[in-house]
């Protein structure tokens, strides 16, 4: 059994244990791709919201740690960008147009996060977000001889935003979660109806979770 199959079996067991007195049918992928896409996007957005809360807590804490700060900030950028970028599986993604009916500040925040994702996280670019400089140190003699010189290397990565900007991001994520929940409801109804209209009771037996051997 592959890892993917093990994960599926675990979900089958979970739902079977939760609803022991019901017949449960797994709806085939052909009807669920969009719905599953937006469900996973909601999970990602909930995650970045929680991570942002942790980052705010860290910055307010007396036990501040720069490495943890950077790890949390990069996690936010990566996961947020994942919701808007293409994927090999052909799953649905969010479009920038989702912000058109809202205040322009949200679109600017989105553009900033995506720019960080492309130029700072996904690719190495020459930007203010990530810099390295090389200096040569010369002794007080002023002579540039091998024995009197030494290279000095300094690098830095962008720290996380100010507290007020992080709180604005929380607004952004909350807005997106609400939008995605609407898409989940809409596609959930479509998926439900498609299964009932296209799968006969006889065909449905193939998808009956109750009779599946999961070991």
N, C-alpha and C. Protein backbone atom coordinates (compact mmCIF):
# COMPACT_ATOMS: atom_id res chain seq x y z
N UNK A 1 0.84 -1.20 0.00
CA UNK A 1 0.00 0.00 0.00
C UNK A 1 0.88 1.25 0.00
N UNK A 2 0.63 2.16 -0.94
CA UNK A 2 1.40 3.39 -1.02
C UNK A 2 1.00 4.34 0.10
N UNK A 3 1.81 5.39 0.29
CA UNK A 3 1.49 6.37 1.33
C UNK A 3 0.16 7.06 1.04
N UNK A 4 -0.09 7.31 -0.25
CA UNK A 4 -1.36 7.94 -0.63
C UNK A 4 -2.54 7.02 -0.31
N UNK A 5 -2.36 5.73 -0.58
CA UNK A 5 -3.41 4.75 -0.28
C UNK A 5 -3.64 4.62 1.23
N UNK A 6 -2.54 4.70 1.99
CA UNK A 6 -2.66 4.63 3.45
C UNK A 6 -3.44 5.83 3.98
N UNK A 7 -3.16 7.01 3.40
CA UNK A 7 -3.87 8.23 3.82
C UNK A 7 -5.36 8.11 3.51
N UNK A 8 -5.69 7.57 2.33
CA UNK A 8 -7.09 7.39 1.94
C UNK A 8 -7.77 6.40 2.86
N UNK A 9 -7.09 5.29 3.16
CA UNK A 9 -7.65 4.27 4.05
C UNK A 9 -7.93 4.85 5.43
N UNK A 10 -7.04 5.71 5.89
CA UNK A 10 -7.22 6.34 7.21
C UNK A 10 -8.46 7.23 7.21
N UNK A 11 -8.68 7.95 6.11
CA UNK A 11 -9.87 8.81 6.03
C UNK A 11 -11.14 7.98 5.93
N UNK A 12 -11.08 6.87 5.20
CA UNK A 12 -12.23 5.97 5.13
C UNK A 12 -12.60 5.47 6.54
N UNK A 13 -11.58 5.06 7.29
CA UNK A 13 -11.81 4.54 8.64
C UNK A 13 -12.40 5.63 9.54
N UNK A 14 -11.87 6.83 9.41
CA UNK A 14 -12.33 7.94 10.24
C UNK A 14 -13.81 8.21 10.02
N UNK A 15 -14.21 8.30 8.75
CA UNK A 15 -15.62 8.62 8.46
C UNK A 15 -16.53 7.44 8.81
N UNK A 16 -16.00 6.23 8.64
CA UNK A 16 -16.79 5.04 8.98
C UNK A 16 -17.04 4.96 10.49
N UNK A 17 -16.01 5.30 11.27
CA UNK A 17 -16.14 5.28 12.73
C UNK A 17 -17.07 6.39 13.22
N UNK A 18 -17.08 7.51 12.52
CA UNK A 18 -17.88 8.65 12.93
C UNK A 18 -19.37 8.44 12.65
N UNK A 19 -19.67 7.70 11.56
CA UNK A 19 -21.06 7.46 11.18
C UNK A 19 -21.32 5.95 11.05
N UNK A 20 -21.27 5.23 12.17
CA UNK A 20 -21.38 3.76 12.12
C UNK A 20 -22.75 3.25 11.67
N UNK A 21 -23.78 4.08 11.76
CA UNK A 21 -25.13 3.63 11.44
C UNK A 21 -25.62 4.09 10.06
N UNK A 22 -24.69 4.60 9.24
CA UNK A 22 -25.06 5.09 7.91
C UNK A 22 -24.30 4.36 6.82
N UNK A 23 -24.88 4.37 5.63
CA UNK A 23 -24.15 3.91 4.46
C UNK A 23 -23.35 5.10 3.92
N UNK A 24 -22.10 4.86 3.61
CA UNK A 24 -21.21 5.94 3.18
C UNK A 24 -20.61 5.61 1.82
N UNK A 25 -20.73 6.53 0.89
CA UNK A 25 -20.19 6.34 -0.45
C UNK A 25 -19.14 7.41 -0.72
N UNK A 26 -17.98 7.00 -1.20
CA UNK A 26 -16.96 7.97 -1.58
C UNK A 26 -17.27 8.44 -3.00
N UNK A 27 -17.39 9.73 -3.19
CA UNK A 27 -17.72 10.27 -4.52
C UNK A 27 -16.47 10.27 -5.38
N UNK A 28 -16.53 9.75 -6.59
CA UNK A 28 -15.33 9.66 -7.44
C UNK A 28 -14.75 11.01 -7.83
N UNK A 29 -13.45 11.01 -8.13
CA UNK A 29 -12.71 12.24 -8.40
C UNK A 29 -13.31 13.08 -9.52
N UNK A 30 -13.92 12.44 -10.50
CA UNK A 30 -14.45 13.19 -11.64
C UNK A 30 -15.48 14.23 -11.22
N UNK A 31 -16.11 14.03 -10.05
CA UNK A 31 -17.10 14.98 -9.58
C UNK A 31 -16.58 15.91 -8.47
N UNK A 32 -15.40 15.61 -7.94
CA UNK A 32 -14.99 16.29 -6.70
C UNK A 32 -13.74 17.16 -6.80
N UNK A 33 -13.13 17.25 -7.98
CA UNK A 33 -11.82 17.91 -8.08
C UNK A 33 -11.86 19.36 -7.60
N UNK A 34 -12.85 20.13 -8.07
CA UNK A 34 -12.94 21.52 -7.65
C UNK A 34 -13.24 21.64 -6.16
N UNK A 35 -14.16 20.83 -5.69
CA UNK A 35 -14.52 20.87 -4.27
C UNK A 35 -13.32 20.55 -3.40
N UNK A 36 -12.59 19.49 -3.74
CA UNK A 36 -11.42 19.11 -2.97
C UNK A 36 -10.36 20.20 -3.03
N UNK A 37 -10.21 20.84 -4.19
CA UNK A 37 -9.23 21.92 -4.34
C UNK A 37 -9.50 23.03 -3.33
N UNK A 38 -10.75 23.47 -3.27
CA UNK A 38 -11.07 24.58 -2.38
C UNK A 38 -11.05 24.17 -0.92
N UNK A 39 -11.34 22.90 -0.64
CA UNK A 39 -11.21 22.41 0.74
C UNK A 39 -9.75 22.48 1.19
N UNK A 40 -8.83 22.09 0.31
CA UNK A 40 -7.40 22.12 0.65
C UNK A 40 -6.89 23.56 0.74
N UNK A 41 -7.43 24.44 -0.12
CA UNK A 41 -7.05 25.85 -0.05
C UNK A 41 -7.50 26.44 1.29
N UNK A 42 -8.71 26.07 1.73
CA UNK A 42 -9.18 26.55 3.04
C UNK A 42 -8.25 26.07 4.15
N UNK A 43 -7.78 24.83 4.06
CA UNK A 43 -6.84 24.32 5.06
C UNK A 43 -5.55 25.15 5.06
N UNK A 44 -5.06 25.48 3.88
CA UNK A 44 -3.84 26.28 3.77
C UNK A 44 -4.04 27.67 4.36
N UNK A 45 -5.17 28.28 4.07
CA UNK A 45 -5.45 29.63 4.58
C UNK A 45 -5.64 29.62 6.09
N UNK A 46 -6.26 28.59 6.61
CA UNK A 46 -6.40 28.45 8.07
C UNK A 46 -5.03 28.30 8.71
N UNK A 47 -4.16 27.55 8.03
CA UNK A 47 -2.80 27.34 8.52
C UNK A 47 -2.03 28.66 8.57
N UNK A 48 -2.06 29.44 7.46
CA UNK A 48 -1.29 30.70 7.46
C UNK A 48 -1.84 31.69 8.48
N UNK A 49 -3.15 31.63 8.72
CA UNK A 49 -3.74 32.48 9.74
C UNK A 49 -3.21 32.11 11.13
N UNK A 50 -3.14 30.81 11.40
CA UNK A 50 -2.62 30.35 12.69
C UNK A 50 -1.13 30.68 12.84
N UNK A 51 -0.38 30.52 11.75
CA UNK A 51 1.06 30.81 11.79
C UNK A 51 1.29 32.30 12.02
N UNK A 52 0.46 33.14 11.40
CA UNK A 52 0.58 34.58 11.60
C UNK A 52 0.31 34.94 13.05
N UNK A 53 -0.68 34.30 13.66
CA UNK A 53 -0.96 34.51 15.08
C UNK A 53 0.26 34.14 15.92
N UNK A 54 0.90 33.03 15.57
CA UNK A 54 2.10 32.60 16.29
C UNK A 54 3.24 33.59 16.13
N UNK A 55 3.36 34.16 14.92
CA UNK A 55 4.42 35.13 14.65
C UNK A 55 4.17 36.42 15.44
N UNK A 56 2.93 36.86 15.50
CA UNK A 56 2.59 38.04 16.30
C UNK A 56 2.91 37.79 17.77
N UNK A 57 2.55 36.61 18.26
CA UNK A 57 2.83 36.25 19.65
C UNK A 57 4.34 36.25 19.91
N UNK A 58 5.10 35.70 18.96
CA UNK A 58 6.56 35.63 19.10
C UNK A 58 7.16 37.04 19.17
N UNK A 59 6.70 37.92 18.30
CA UNK A 59 7.27 39.28 18.26
C UNK A 59 6.93 40.08 19.51
N UNK A 60 5.84 39.70 20.16
CA UNK A 60 5.44 40.36 21.41
C UNK A 60 6.08 39.71 22.64
N UNK A 61 6.70 38.56 22.41
CA UNK A 61 7.25 37.78 23.52
C UNK A 61 8.65 38.26 23.91
N UNK A 62 8.99 38.03 25.17
CA UNK A 62 10.34 38.36 25.64
C UNK A 62 11.35 37.31 25.18
N UNK A 63 10.83 36.14 24.73
CA UNK A 63 11.71 35.06 24.24
C UNK A 63 11.82 35.09 22.72
N UNK A 64 12.07 36.27 22.16
CA UNK A 64 12.13 36.42 20.71
C UNK A 64 13.29 35.62 20.14
N UNK A 65 13.03 34.96 19.00
CA UNK A 65 14.07 34.17 18.34
C UNK A 65 14.04 34.47 16.84
N UNK A 66 15.14 34.99 16.30
CA UNK A 66 15.16 35.42 14.90
C UNK A 66 14.97 34.25 13.94
N UNK A 67 15.55 33.10 14.26
CA UNK A 67 15.42 31.93 13.37
C UNK A 67 13.97 31.47 13.29
N UNK A 68 13.30 31.42 14.44
CA UNK A 68 11.89 31.04 14.45
C UNK A 68 11.05 32.07 13.71
N UNK A 69 11.36 33.34 13.91
CA UNK A 69 10.65 34.41 13.20
C UNK A 69 10.75 34.21 11.69
N UNK A 70 11.95 33.98 11.20
CA UNK A 70 12.17 33.81 9.77
C UNK A 70 11.47 32.56 9.24
N UNK A 71 11.51 31.48 10.02
CA UNK A 71 10.85 30.23 9.61
C UNK A 71 9.34 30.42 9.50
N UNK A 72 8.74 31.11 10.46
CA UNK A 72 7.29 31.35 10.43
C UNK A 72 6.92 32.26 9.25
N UNK A 73 7.71 33.31 9.02
CA UNK A 73 7.43 34.25 7.95
C UNK A 73 7.54 33.56 6.58
N UNK A 74 8.57 32.77 6.39
CA UNK A 74 8.73 32.07 5.11
C UNK A 74 7.61 31.06 4.91
N UNK A 75 7.16 30.42 5.97
CA UNK A 75 6.05 29.46 5.89
C UNK A 75 4.78 30.16 5.42
N UNK A 76 4.54 31.37 5.91
CA UNK A 76 3.37 32.15 5.50
C UNK A 76 3.45 32.46 4.01
N UNK A 77 4.59 32.94 3.55
CA UNK A 77 4.76 33.32 2.14
C UNK A 77 4.57 32.10 1.23
N UNK A 78 5.21 31.00 1.57
CA UNK A 78 5.15 29.79 0.75
C UNK A 78 3.72 29.26 0.65
N UNK A 79 3.05 29.14 1.80
CA UNK A 79 1.72 28.54 1.81
C UNK A 79 0.69 29.45 1.15
N UNK A 80 0.81 30.74 1.36
CA UNK A 80 -0.11 31.68 0.71
C UNK A 80 0.07 31.60 -0.81
N UNK A 81 1.30 31.62 -1.27
CA UNK A 81 1.56 31.55 -2.71
C UNK A 81 1.04 30.28 -3.34
N UNK A 82 1.07 29.20 -2.60
CA UNK A 82 0.57 27.90 -3.08
C UNK A 82 -0.91 27.97 -3.46
N UNK A 83 -1.67 28.82 -2.79
CA UNK A 83 -3.10 28.94 -3.05
C UNK A 83 -3.39 29.60 -4.39
N UNK A 84 -2.40 30.31 -4.95
CA UNK A 84 -2.62 31.08 -6.17
C UNK A 84 -1.80 30.60 -7.36
N UNK A 85 -1.01 29.56 -7.20
CA UNK A 85 -0.13 29.12 -8.28
C UNK A 85 -0.61 27.81 -8.90
N UNK A 86 -0.22 27.60 -10.15
CA UNK A 86 -0.61 26.40 -10.88
C UNK A 86 0.05 25.18 -10.26
N UNK A 87 -0.55 24.00 -10.49
CA UNK A 87 0.01 22.77 -9.95
C UNK A 87 -0.13 21.65 -10.98
N UNK A 88 0.73 20.66 -10.86
CA UNK A 88 0.77 19.56 -11.83
C UNK A 88 -0.49 18.70 -11.80
N UNK A 89 -1.17 18.69 -10.67
CA UNK A 89 -2.36 17.84 -10.53
C UNK A 89 -3.59 18.45 -11.19
N UNK A 90 -3.48 19.70 -11.65
CA UNK A 90 -4.63 20.35 -12.28
C UNK A 90 -5.72 20.75 -11.30
N UNK A 91 -5.35 20.91 -10.04
CA UNK A 91 -6.32 21.34 -9.02
C UNK A 91 -6.63 22.82 -9.21
N UNK A 92 -7.80 23.25 -8.75
CA UNK A 92 -8.18 24.66 -8.86
C UNK A 92 -7.30 25.51 -7.96
N UNK A 93 -7.17 26.78 -8.34
CA UNK A 93 -6.41 27.73 -7.55
C UNK A 93 -7.21 29.02 -7.44
N UNK A 94 -6.82 29.86 -6.53
CA UNK A 94 -7.46 31.17 -6.41
C UNK A 94 -6.88 32.11 -7.46
N UNK A 95 -7.71 33.06 -7.91
CA UNK A 95 -7.27 34.06 -8.88
C UNK A 95 -7.20 35.43 -8.19
N UNK A 96 -6.29 36.25 -8.66
CA UNK A 96 -6.13 37.59 -8.10
C UNK A 96 -7.43 38.40 -8.19
N UNK A 97 -8.26 38.10 -9.17
CA UNK A 97 -9.52 38.83 -9.36
C UNK A 97 -10.45 38.70 -8.16
N UNK A 98 -10.17 37.79 -7.26
CA UNK A 98 -11.01 37.62 -6.07
C UNK A 98 -11.04 38.89 -5.22
N UNK A 99 -10.01 39.75 -5.40
CA UNK A 99 -9.92 40.98 -4.61
C UNK A 99 -10.60 42.18 -5.26
N UNK A 100 -11.11 42.03 -6.47
CA UNK A 100 -11.61 43.18 -7.22
C UNK A 100 -12.74 43.93 -6.51
N UNK A 101 -13.56 43.23 -5.76
CA UNK A 101 -14.70 43.88 -5.11
C UNK A 101 -14.35 44.45 -3.74
N UNK A 102 -13.09 44.32 -3.35
CA UNK A 102 -12.67 44.80 -2.04
C UNK A 102 -11.75 46.02 -2.16
N UNK A 103 -11.44 46.60 -1.01
CA UNK A 103 -10.52 47.72 -0.94
C UNK A 103 -9.20 47.36 -1.63
N UNK A 104 -8.63 48.33 -2.34
CA UNK A 104 -7.40 48.10 -3.10
C UNK A 104 -6.22 47.66 -2.23
N UNK A 105 -6.30 47.95 -0.93
CA UNK A 105 -5.18 47.59 -0.06
C UNK A 105 -4.96 46.08 -0.04
N UNK A 106 -6.03 45.29 -0.18
CA UNK A 106 -5.89 43.84 -0.15
C UNK A 106 -5.16 43.33 -1.40
N UNK A 107 -5.45 43.94 -2.52
CA UNK A 107 -4.74 43.56 -3.75
C UNK A 107 -3.27 43.92 -3.65
N UNK A 108 -2.97 45.06 -3.05
CA UNK A 108 -1.56 45.46 -2.86
C UNK A 108 -0.85 44.49 -1.93
N UNK A 109 -1.53 44.06 -0.87
CA UNK A 109 -0.94 43.09 0.04
C UNK A 109 -0.68 41.77 -0.67
N UNK A 110 -1.65 41.36 -1.50
CA UNK A 110 -1.49 40.14 -2.29
C UNK A 110 -0.28 40.24 -3.21
N UNK A 111 -0.18 41.35 -3.93
CA UNK A 111 0.94 41.54 -4.87
C UNK A 111 2.27 41.47 -4.13
N UNK A 112 2.31 42.06 -2.95
CA UNK A 112 3.56 42.05 -2.17
C UNK A 112 3.93 40.62 -1.76
N UNK A 113 2.95 39.86 -1.27
CA UNK A 113 3.23 38.48 -0.86
C UNK A 113 3.68 37.62 -2.05
N UNK A 114 3.03 37.80 -3.19
CA UNK A 114 3.39 37.01 -4.36
C UNK A 114 4.77 37.41 -4.90
N UNK A 115 5.08 38.70 -4.81
CA UNK A 115 6.42 39.15 -5.22
C UNK A 115 7.48 38.53 -4.33
N UNK A 116 7.20 38.47 -3.03
CA UNK A 116 8.14 37.82 -2.10
C UNK A 116 8.27 36.34 -2.43
N UNK A 117 7.16 35.72 -2.75
CA UNK A 117 7.17 34.29 -3.08
C UNK A 117 8.04 34.02 -4.31
N UNK A 118 7.90 34.85 -5.34
CA UNK A 118 8.62 34.62 -6.60
C UNK A 118 10.09 35.04 -6.52
N UNK A 119 10.37 36.20 -5.91
CA UNK A 119 11.74 36.73 -5.96
C UNK A 119 12.58 36.39 -4.74
N UNK A 120 11.94 35.92 -3.68
CA UNK A 120 12.66 35.70 -2.43
C UNK A 120 12.67 34.23 -2.01
N UNK A 121 11.53 33.55 -2.20
CA UNK A 121 11.41 32.16 -1.74
C UNK A 121 11.65 31.16 -2.88
N UNK A 122 10.88 31.28 -3.96
CA UNK A 122 10.96 30.29 -5.03
C UNK A 122 12.23 30.44 -5.87
N UNK A 123 12.71 31.67 -6.00
CA UNK A 123 13.90 31.92 -6.82
C UNK A 123 14.83 32.86 -6.06
N UNK A 124 16.11 32.81 -6.40
CA UNK A 124 17.05 33.74 -5.81
C UNK A 124 17.18 34.94 -6.73
N UNK A 125 16.89 36.13 -6.19
CA UNK A 125 16.89 37.34 -7.00
C UNK A 125 17.69 38.41 -6.27
N UNK A 126 18.11 39.42 -7.00
CA UNK A 126 18.85 40.53 -6.41
C UNK A 126 17.84 41.57 -5.94
N UNK A 127 17.45 41.47 -4.69
CA UNK A 127 16.44 42.36 -4.16
C UNK A 127 16.76 42.72 -2.72
N UNK A 128 15.96 43.64 -2.18
CA UNK A 128 16.18 44.07 -0.80
C UNK A 128 15.84 42.96 0.20
N UNK A 129 15.15 41.93 -0.26
CA UNK A 129 14.71 40.86 0.64
C UNK A 129 15.82 39.90 1.03
N UNK A 130 16.84 39.83 0.19
CA UNK A 130 17.93 38.87 0.43
C UNK A 130 19.20 39.47 -0.16
N UNK A 131 20.17 39.76 0.68
CA UNK A 131 21.37 40.44 0.20
C UNK A 131 22.62 39.80 0.80
N UNK A 132 23.68 39.83 0.00
CA UNK A 132 24.99 39.43 0.49
C UNK A 132 26.00 40.42 -0.07
N UNK A 133 26.98 40.80 0.75
CA UNK A 133 28.01 41.73 0.32
C UNK A 133 29.37 41.20 0.74
N UNK A 134 30.37 41.51 -0.06
CA UNK A 134 31.74 41.08 0.22
C UNK A 134 32.61 42.33 0.36
N UNK A 135 33.34 42.42 1.45
CA UNK A 135 34.26 43.53 1.69
C UNK A 135 35.69 42.99 1.75
N UNK A 136 36.64 43.85 1.51
CA UNK A 136 38.03 43.47 1.73
C UNK A 136 38.59 44.36 2.83
N UNK A 137 39.11 43.76 3.84
CA UNK A 137 39.66 44.50 4.97
C UNK A 137 41.17 44.62 4.79
N UNK A 138 41.64 45.84 4.89
CA UNK A 138 43.07 46.12 4.70
C UNK A 138 43.64 46.64 6.02
N UNK A 139 44.84 46.20 6.35
CA UNK A 139 45.44 46.64 7.60
C UNK A 139 45.73 48.14 7.57
N UNK A 140 46.04 48.69 8.71
CA UNK A 140 46.26 50.13 8.82
C UNK A 140 47.44 50.61 7.99
N UNK A 141 48.28 49.72 7.54
CA UNK A 141 49.41 50.12 6.68
C UNK A 141 48.91 50.69 5.36
N UNK A 142 47.73 50.26 4.94
CA UNK A 142 47.19 50.74 3.67
C UNK A 142 47.71 49.98 2.48
N UNK A 143 48.65 49.06 2.69
CA UNK A 143 49.21 48.29 1.57
C UNK A 143 48.33 47.06 1.29
N UNK A 144 47.92 46.91 0.03
CA UNK A 144 47.07 45.78 -0.32
C UNK A 144 47.92 44.56 -0.65
N UNK A 145 48.58 44.04 0.36
CA UNK A 145 49.39 42.84 0.23
C UNK A 145 48.62 41.67 0.84
N UNK A 146 48.93 40.48 0.36
CA UNK A 146 48.18 39.31 0.85
C UNK A 146 48.13 39.23 2.36
N UNK A 147 49.22 39.50 3.00
CA UNK A 147 49.28 39.37 4.45
C UNK A 147 48.51 40.44 5.18
N UNK A 148 48.20 41.52 4.49
CA UNK A 148 47.54 42.66 5.12
C UNK A 148 46.06 42.78 4.75
N UNK A 149 45.53 41.77 4.05
CA UNK A 149 44.13 41.86 3.60
C UNK A 149 43.35 40.62 4.01
N UNK A 150 42.04 40.80 4.08
CA UNK A 150 41.15 39.69 4.43
C UNK A 150 39.75 39.98 3.89
N UNK A 151 39.08 38.95 3.37
CA UNK A 151 37.69 39.12 2.92
C UNK A 151 36.74 39.09 4.10
N UNK A 152 35.76 39.97 4.08
CA UNK A 152 34.70 39.99 5.08
C UNK A 152 33.38 39.76 4.35
N UNK A 153 32.64 38.74 4.76
CA UNK A 153 31.39 38.37 4.09
C UNK A 153 30.21 38.65 5.02
N UNK A 154 29.20 39.35 4.51
CA UNK A 154 28.01 39.66 5.29
C UNK A 154 26.78 39.34 4.46
N UNK A 155 25.82 38.62 5.04
CA UNK A 155 24.57 38.31 4.34
C UNK A 155 23.41 38.56 5.29
N UNK A 156 22.26 38.87 4.72
CA UNK A 156 21.07 39.06 5.54
C UNK A 156 19.82 38.68 4.76
N UNK A 157 18.82 38.24 5.50
CA UNK A 157 17.51 37.92 4.92
C UNK A 157 16.47 38.84 5.54
N UNK A 158 15.41 39.09 4.79
CA UNK A 158 14.35 39.97 5.24
C UNK A 158 13.67 39.44 6.49
N UNK A 159 13.53 40.29 7.48
CA UNK A 159 12.79 39.91 8.68
C UNK A 159 11.29 40.03 8.39
N UNK A 160 10.48 39.54 9.29
CA UNK A 160 9.03 39.60 9.09
C UNK A 160 8.54 41.05 9.20
N UNK A 161 7.33 41.33 8.70
CA UNK A 161 6.80 42.69 8.72
C UNK A 161 6.55 43.22 10.12
N UNK A 162 6.25 44.51 10.16
CA UNK A 162 5.88 45.14 11.43
C UNK A 162 4.56 44.54 11.94
N UNK A 163 4.32 44.77 13.22
CA UNK A 163 3.15 44.17 13.85
C UNK A 163 1.84 44.60 13.17
N UNK A 164 1.73 45.87 12.84
CA UNK A 164 0.48 46.35 12.24
C UNK A 164 0.24 45.72 10.87
N UNK A 165 1.35 45.43 10.14
CA UNK A 165 1.22 44.79 8.83
C UNK A 165 0.80 43.33 8.98
N UNK A 166 1.30 42.66 10.01
CA UNK A 166 0.90 41.28 10.27
C UNK A 166 -0.59 41.21 10.63
N UNK A 167 -1.06 42.20 11.38
CA UNK A 167 -2.48 42.22 11.73
C UNK A 167 -3.35 42.50 10.51
N UNK A 168 -2.82 43.27 9.56
CA UNK A 168 -3.54 43.49 8.30
C UNK A 168 -3.60 42.20 7.49
N UNK A 169 -2.53 41.40 7.56
CA UNK A 169 -2.54 40.10 6.88
C UNK A 169 -3.60 39.18 7.46
N UNK A 170 -3.82 39.26 8.75
CA UNK A 170 -4.87 38.46 9.37
C UNK A 170 -6.22 38.81 8.76
N UNK A 171 -6.45 40.09 8.49
CA UNK A 171 -7.68 40.53 7.82
C UNK A 171 -7.78 39.92 6.44
N UNK A 172 -6.67 39.94 5.71
CA UNK A 172 -6.62 39.40 4.36
C UNK A 172 -6.98 37.91 4.36
N UNK A 173 -6.37 37.16 5.25
CA UNK A 173 -6.62 35.71 5.30
C UNK A 173 -8.06 35.42 5.70
N UNK A 174 -8.60 36.19 6.62
CA UNK A 174 -9.98 36.00 7.04
C UNK A 174 -10.94 36.25 5.87
N UNK A 175 -10.66 37.30 5.11
CA UNK A 175 -11.46 37.62 3.92
C UNK A 175 -11.44 36.45 2.93
N UNK A 176 -10.25 35.92 2.68
CA UNK A 176 -10.11 34.82 1.72
C UNK A 176 -10.81 33.55 2.19
N UNK A 177 -10.71 33.26 3.47
CA UNK A 177 -11.37 32.06 4.01
C UNK A 177 -12.88 32.14 3.77
N UNK A 178 -13.46 33.33 3.98
CA UNK A 178 -14.89 33.50 3.73
C UNK A 178 -15.23 33.29 2.26
N UNK A 179 -14.39 33.80 1.37
CA UNK A 179 -14.60 33.63 -0.07
C UNK A 179 -14.52 32.15 -0.46
N UNK A 180 -13.55 31.46 0.11
CA UNK A 180 -13.36 30.05 -0.22
C UNK A 180 -14.50 29.21 0.33
N UNK A 181 -15.02 29.57 1.48
CA UNK A 181 -16.15 28.82 2.04
C UNK A 181 -17.38 28.92 1.14
N UNK A 182 -17.55 30.07 0.48
CA UNK A 182 -18.65 30.22 -0.48
C UNK A 182 -18.44 29.27 -1.66
N UNK A 183 -17.19 29.18 -2.13
CA UNK A 183 -16.87 28.29 -3.25
C UNK A 183 -17.06 26.83 -2.85
N UNK A 184 -16.73 26.50 -1.61
CA UNK A 184 -16.92 25.13 -1.12
C UNK A 184 -18.40 24.77 -1.10
N UNK A 185 -19.22 25.68 -0.62
CA UNK A 185 -20.66 25.44 -0.57
C UNK A 185 -21.22 25.24 -1.98
N UNK A 186 -20.84 26.13 -2.89
CA UNK A 186 -21.32 26.07 -4.26
C UNK A 186 -20.91 24.77 -4.94
N UNK A 187 -19.63 24.42 -4.83
CA UNK A 187 -19.14 23.21 -5.48
C UNK A 187 -19.58 21.95 -4.74
N UNK A 188 -19.85 22.07 -3.45
CA UNK A 188 -20.38 20.94 -2.70
C UNK A 188 -21.76 20.55 -3.21
N UNK A 189 -22.59 21.56 -3.47
CA UNK A 189 -23.93 21.29 -4.01
C UNK A 189 -23.83 20.63 -5.39
N UNK A 190 -22.93 21.14 -6.22
CA UNK A 190 -22.76 20.59 -7.57
C UNK A 190 -22.30 19.13 -7.50
N UNK A 191 -21.35 18.86 -6.62
CA UNK A 191 -20.82 17.51 -6.46
C UNK A 191 -21.90 16.54 -5.99
N UNK A 192 -22.66 16.97 -5.02
CA UNK A 192 -23.75 16.16 -4.46
C UNK A 192 -24.76 15.79 -5.55
N UNK A 193 -25.18 16.79 -6.30
CA UNK A 193 -26.18 16.57 -7.35
C UNK A 193 -25.63 15.72 -8.49
N UNK A 194 -24.35 15.94 -8.84
CA UNK A 194 -23.74 15.18 -9.94
C UNK A 194 -23.68 13.69 -9.61
N UNK A 195 -23.35 13.37 -8.37
CA UNK A 195 -23.28 11.96 -7.97
C UNK A 195 -24.67 11.31 -8.05
N UNK A 196 -25.68 11.99 -7.50
CA UNK A 196 -27.03 11.42 -7.48
C UNK A 196 -27.62 11.30 -8.88
N UNK A 197 -27.28 12.22 -9.76
CA UNK A 197 -27.85 12.23 -11.10
C UNK A 197 -27.14 11.31 -12.08
N UNK A 198 -25.85 11.03 -11.82
CA UNK A 198 -25.06 10.27 -12.79
C UNK A 198 -24.69 8.86 -12.36
N UNK A 199 -24.84 8.56 -11.09
CA UNK A 199 -24.46 7.24 -10.58
C UNK A 199 -25.71 6.49 -10.14
N UNK A 200 -25.94 5.35 -10.77
CA UNK A 200 -27.11 4.54 -10.41
C UNK A 200 -26.87 3.82 -9.09
N UNK A 201 -27.94 3.38 -8.41
CA UNK A 201 -27.77 2.62 -7.16
C UNK A 201 -26.86 1.41 -7.34
N UNK A 202 -26.94 0.77 -8.50
CA UNK A 202 -26.09 -0.40 -8.75
C UNK A 202 -24.63 0.02 -8.87
N UNK A 203 -24.36 1.10 -9.60
CA UNK A 203 -22.99 1.60 -9.75
C UNK A 203 -22.44 2.10 -8.41
N UNK A 204 -23.30 2.64 -7.57
CA UNK A 204 -22.87 3.21 -6.31
C UNK A 204 -22.26 2.18 -5.36
N UNK A 205 -22.61 0.91 -5.56
CA UNK A 205 -22.07 -0.14 -4.70
C UNK A 205 -20.56 -0.19 -4.72
N UNK A 206 -19.98 0.19 -5.87
CA UNK A 206 -18.51 0.19 -6.01
C UNK A 206 -17.89 1.19 -5.04
N UNK A 207 -18.62 2.25 -4.73
CA UNK A 207 -18.09 3.33 -3.91
C UNK A 207 -18.52 3.25 -2.45
N UNK A 208 -19.12 2.12 -2.06
CA UNK A 208 -19.59 1.96 -0.69
C UNK A 208 -18.42 1.71 0.25
N UNK A 209 -18.18 2.67 1.14
CA UNK A 209 -17.04 2.60 2.06
C UNK A 209 -17.24 1.50 3.10
N UNK A 210 -18.48 1.27 3.51
CA UNK A 210 -18.75 0.29 4.58
C UNK A 210 -18.22 -1.09 4.27
N UNK A 211 -18.19 -1.47 2.99
CA UNK A 211 -17.75 -2.82 2.61
C UNK A 211 -16.28 -2.90 2.19
N UNK A 212 -15.59 -1.78 2.24
CA UNK A 212 -14.20 -1.77 1.79
C UNK A 212 -13.27 -2.42 2.81
N UNK A 213 -12.32 -3.21 2.30
CA UNK A 213 -11.29 -3.79 3.15
C UNK A 213 -10.13 -2.80 3.16
N UNK A 214 -9.80 -2.31 4.33
CA UNK A 214 -8.85 -1.19 4.41
C UNK A 214 -7.50 -1.59 4.99
N UNK A 215 -7.27 -2.85 5.27
CA UNK A 215 -6.00 -3.29 5.85
C UNK A 215 -5.06 -3.80 4.77
